[in-house]
Amino acid sequence: LGLSQLDLQAKVVDDAVAATVDAKATRLGTLRGQVALDRGAERGGFDGNAPLTGSFVAQLASLQPLQIFLGTAALVDGQATAELQLRGTLREASVSGTLNGTGLRLDAAQYGLHWGDGLLRARLGEGRLTLDEFSFRAGEGRFAASGVIAAAPTQGDAAAPVGAGTQLTWRADRLTA
């Protein structure tokens, strides 16, 4: 990864936590973040109802170092940025923010997939991922999609089917794998 800097700080006082991270790696990029869990009403442990806040900014110069999670099934590349905020409680945290990617590439030869020139512009929040733009080139064609991908139902909403609220519009022009 070429780790050139890693600063981690954490402080725990009376069941409250404050932590920060600042990392730089020549092959991967940068990560900066902070998280705070306030002390809740219950003492002697972390209270699930305690207020939780945080923010994270990641700038990934290359996705290639993430290859270890895919093994040899596929090759990935591209650049990505993420700006995320964490709010709520320890028990019911919510994440919001933006995800962006350029030069995205996925090659999975055994499946005949050779996607390149990928672009991602997305927003995360309110239990859904909004794709403002997701596109890639494949062969001489192009695939593009936009819309909303809804999260799985919460425990209290078991009657809602998985994916309820998902609405995607997509277009494939002269698309080959």
Protein backbone atom coordinates (compact mmCIF):
# COMPACT_ATOMS: atom_id res chain seq x y z
CA LEU A 1 0.00 0.00 0.00
CA GLY A 2 2.95 2.32 0.47
CA LEU A 3 1.73 3.59 3.84
CA SER A 4 3.48 6.91 4.47
CA GLN A 5 1.36 8.22 7.33
CA LEU A 6 -1.01 6.72 9.86
CA ASP A 7 -2.28 8.76 12.79
CA LEU A 8 -4.91 7.13 15.00
CA GLN A 9 -6.16 8.73 18.17
CA ALA A 10 -8.88 7.48 20.48
CA LYS A 11 -10.07 8.73 23.82
CA VAL A 12 -12.56 6.94 26.07
CA VAL A 13 -13.87 8.79 29.12
CA ASP A 14 -16.90 7.69 31.15
CA ASP A 15 -18.30 5.50 28.34
CA ALA A 16 -17.88 8.28 25.74
CA VAL A 17 -15.56 7.78 22.77
CA ALA A 18 -13.82 10.24 20.46
CA ALA A 19 -11.55 8.94 17.72
CA THR A 20 -9.77 10.30 14.65
CA VAL A 21 -7.84 8.74 11.77
CA ASP A 22 -5.55 10.37 9.23
CA ALA A 23 -3.84 8.03 6.78
CA LYS A 24 -1.91 8.38 3.54
CA ALA A 25 -0.68 5.61 1.28
CA THR A 26 1.10 6.18 -2.03
CA ARG A 27 -0.75 3.36 -3.83
CA LEU A 28 -4.16 3.79 -2.24
CA GLY A 29 -4.68 7.46 -1.33
CA THR A 30 -5.88 9.28 1.79
CA LEU A 31 -8.43 8.68 4.53
CA ARG A 32 -9.43 11.21 7.14
CA GLY A 33 -12.17 10.75 9.65
CA GLN A 34 -13.53 11.32 13.08
CA VAL A 35 -16.20 9.62 15.13
CA ALA A 36 -17.75 10.49 18.48
CA LEU A 37 -20.05 8.43 20.68
CA ASP A 38 -21.46 10.44 23.56
CA ARG A 39 -22.15 8.96 26.95
CA GLY A 40 -25.65 7.55 27.17
CA ALA A 41 -28.04 7.20 30.08
CA GLU A 42 -26.88 3.64 30.84
CA ARG A 43 -23.60 3.50 32.71
CA GLY A 44 -20.95 0.81 32.68
CA GLY A 45 -20.89 0.16 28.93
CA PHE A 46 -21.73 1.66 25.58
CA ASP A 47 -25.39 2.69 25.51
CA GLY A 48 -27.17 1.80 22.25
CA ASN A 49 -29.17 5.03 22.54
CA ALA A 50 -26.09 7.23 22.91
CA PRO A 51 -25.70 9.94 20.24
CA LEU A 52 -23.26 9.03 17.48
CA THR A 53 -21.63 11.41 14.96
CA GLY A 54 -18.81 11.13 12.51
CA SER A 55 -17.39 12.12 9.17
CA PHE A 56 -15.03 10.42 6.76
CA VAL A 57 -13.31 11.59 3.58
CA ALA A 58 -11.50 9.09 1.38
CA GLN A 59 -9.61 9.88 -1.81
CA LEU A 60 -8.51 6.67 -3.47
CA ALA A 61 -5.91 7.27 -6.17
CA SER A 62 -6.34 3.71 -7.40
CA LEU A 63 -8.72 0.87 -6.70
CA GLN A 64 -6.06 -1.72 -7.57
CA PRO A 65 -5.00 -2.28 -3.93
CA LEU A 66 -8.58 -3.47 -3.26
CA GLN A 67 -7.90 -6.36 -5.63
CA ILE A 68 -7.04 -8.58 -2.66
CA PHE A 69 -10.75 -8.69 -1.77
CA LEU A 70 -11.71 -9.97 -5.25
CA GLY A 71 -8.96 -12.53 -5.70
CA THR A 72 -8.38 -13.57 -9.29
CA ALA A 73 -12.07 -13.54 -10.31
CA ALA A 74 -11.89 -9.94 -11.59
CA LEU A 75 -9.55 -7.01 -12.06
CA VAL A 76 -10.57 -3.55 -10.86
CA ASP A 77 -9.11 -0.09 -11.30
CA GLY A 78 -10.08 3.56 -11.25
CA GLN A 79 -10.13 6.46 -8.84
CA ALA A 80 -12.76 7.10 -6.19
CA THR A 81 -13.71 9.65 -3.57
CA ALA A 82 -16.17 9.37 -0.72
CA GLU A 83 -17.43 11.99 1.71
CA LEU A 84 -19.59 10.37 4.36
CA GLN A 85 -21.37 11.57 7.50
CA LEU A 86 -22.51 9.37 10.35
CA ARG A 87 -25.47 10.39 12.54
CA GLY A 88 -27.93 8.82 14.93
CA THR A 89 -27.31 6.49 17.82
CA LEU A 90 -25.09 3.48 18.28
CA ARG A 91 -28.15 1.25 17.82
CA GLU A 92 -29.63 3.13 14.83
CA ALA A 93 -26.87 4.87 12.92
CA SER A 94 -27.42 6.39 9.49
CA VAL A 95 -24.84 7.17 6.84
CA SER A 96 -25.15 9.91 4.24
CA GLY A 97 -22.80 11.50 1.76
CA THR A 98 -21.41 11.28 -1.74
CA LEU A 99 -19.53 8.64 -3.73
CA ASN A 100 -17.68 9.50 -6.94
CA GLY A 101 -15.56 7.42 -9.26
CA THR A 102 -13.73 8.05 -12.52
CA GLY A 103 -11.75 5.82 -14.84
CA LEU A 104 -13.53 2.81 -13.36
CA ARG A 105 -12.66 -0.55 -14.85
CA LEU A 106 -13.84 -4.11 -14.26
CA ASP A 107 -12.44 -7.08 -16.16
CA ALA A 108 -13.81 -10.55 -15.46
CA ALA A 109 -12.68 -12.60 -18.44
CA GLN A 110 -14.38 -15.82 -17.32
CA TYR A 111 -17.71 -13.96 -17.57
CA GLY A 112 -16.81 -12.08 -20.74
CA LEU A 113 -16.89 -8.72 -18.93
CA HIS A 114 -14.53 -5.95 -20.04
CA TRP A 115 -15.91 -2.66 -18.76
CA GLY A 116 -13.91 0.58 -18.82
CA ASP A 117 -14.11 4.37 -18.77
CA GLY A 118 -16.53 4.05 -15.88
CA LEU A 119 -18.06 7.00 -14.09
CA LEU A 120 -19.98 7.08 -10.81
CA ARG A 121 -21.74 10.03 -9.20
CA ALA A 122 -23.91 8.91 -6.29
CA ARG A 123 -25.49 10.13 -3.07
CA LEU A 124 -26.17 8.03 -0.02
CA GLY A 125 -28.85 8.89 2.54
CA GLU A 126 -32.29 8.12 3.94
CA GLY A 127 -31.79 4.39 3.44
CA ARG A 128 -31.10 4.64 -0.28
CA LEU A 129 -28.36 5.07 -2.83
CA THR A 130 -29.19 7.64 -5.50
CA LEU A 131 -27.27 7.11 -8.73
CA ASP A 132 -27.00 10.51 -10.37
CA GLU A 133 -24.82 8.91 -13.03
CA PHE A 134 -23.32 5.47 -13.45
CA SER A 135 -21.86 4.58 -16.81
CA PHE A 136 -19.16 2.51 -18.47
CA ARG A 137 -17.89 1.55 -21.88
CA ALA A 138 -17.98 -2.05 -23.08
CA GLY A 139 -16.69 -2.86 -26.55
CA GLU A 140 -17.95 -0.10 -28.85
CA GLY A 141 -21.01 0.56 -26.73
CA ARG A 142 -21.95 2.31 -23.54
CA PHE A 143 -24.15 1.48 -20.55
CA ALA A 144 -25.67 4.22 -18.39
CA ALA A 145 -27.96 4.09 -15.38
CA SER A 146 -29.50 6.52 -12.93
CA GLY A 147 -32.11 6.34 -10.22
CA VAL A 148 -32.60 5.09 -6.70
CA ILE A 149 -31.60 1.81 -5.09
CA ALA A 150 -33.51 1.34 -1.85
CA ALA A 151 -32.04 -0.39 1.17
CA ALA A 152 -33.40 -3.61 2.60
CA PRO A 153 -36.35 -3.09 4.95
CA THR A 154 -35.59 -2.36 8.57
CA GLN A 155 -36.48 -4.87 11.29
CA GLY A 156 -39.66 -2.93 12.08
CA ASP A 157 -40.76 -2.96 8.42
CA ALA A 158 -40.69 -6.70 7.66
CA ALA A 159 -43.77 -6.42 5.43
CA ALA A 160 -41.90 -4.32 2.84
CA PRO A 161 -40.24 -6.43 0.15
CA VAL A 162 -36.48 -6.14 -0.36
CA GLY A 163 -35.81 -3.43 -2.93
CA ALA A 164 -39.18 -1.73 -2.46
CA GLY A 165 -38.75 1.84 -3.65
CA THR A 166 -35.96 1.01 -6.09
CA GLN A 167 -36.37 2.87 -9.38
CA LEU A 168 -33.64 2.63 -12.00
CA THR A 169 -33.51 3.91 -15.53
CA TRP A 170 -30.84 2.43 -17.74
CA ARG A 171 -29.75 2.48 -21.34
CA ALA A 172 -27.40 0.23 -23.27
CA ASP A 173 -26.18 1.39 -26.68
CA ARG A 174 -24.27 -1.12 -28.86
CA LEU A 175 -23.22 -2.83 -25.65
CA THR A 176 -20.96 -5.84 -25.82
CA ALA A 177 -19.48 -7.57 -22.82
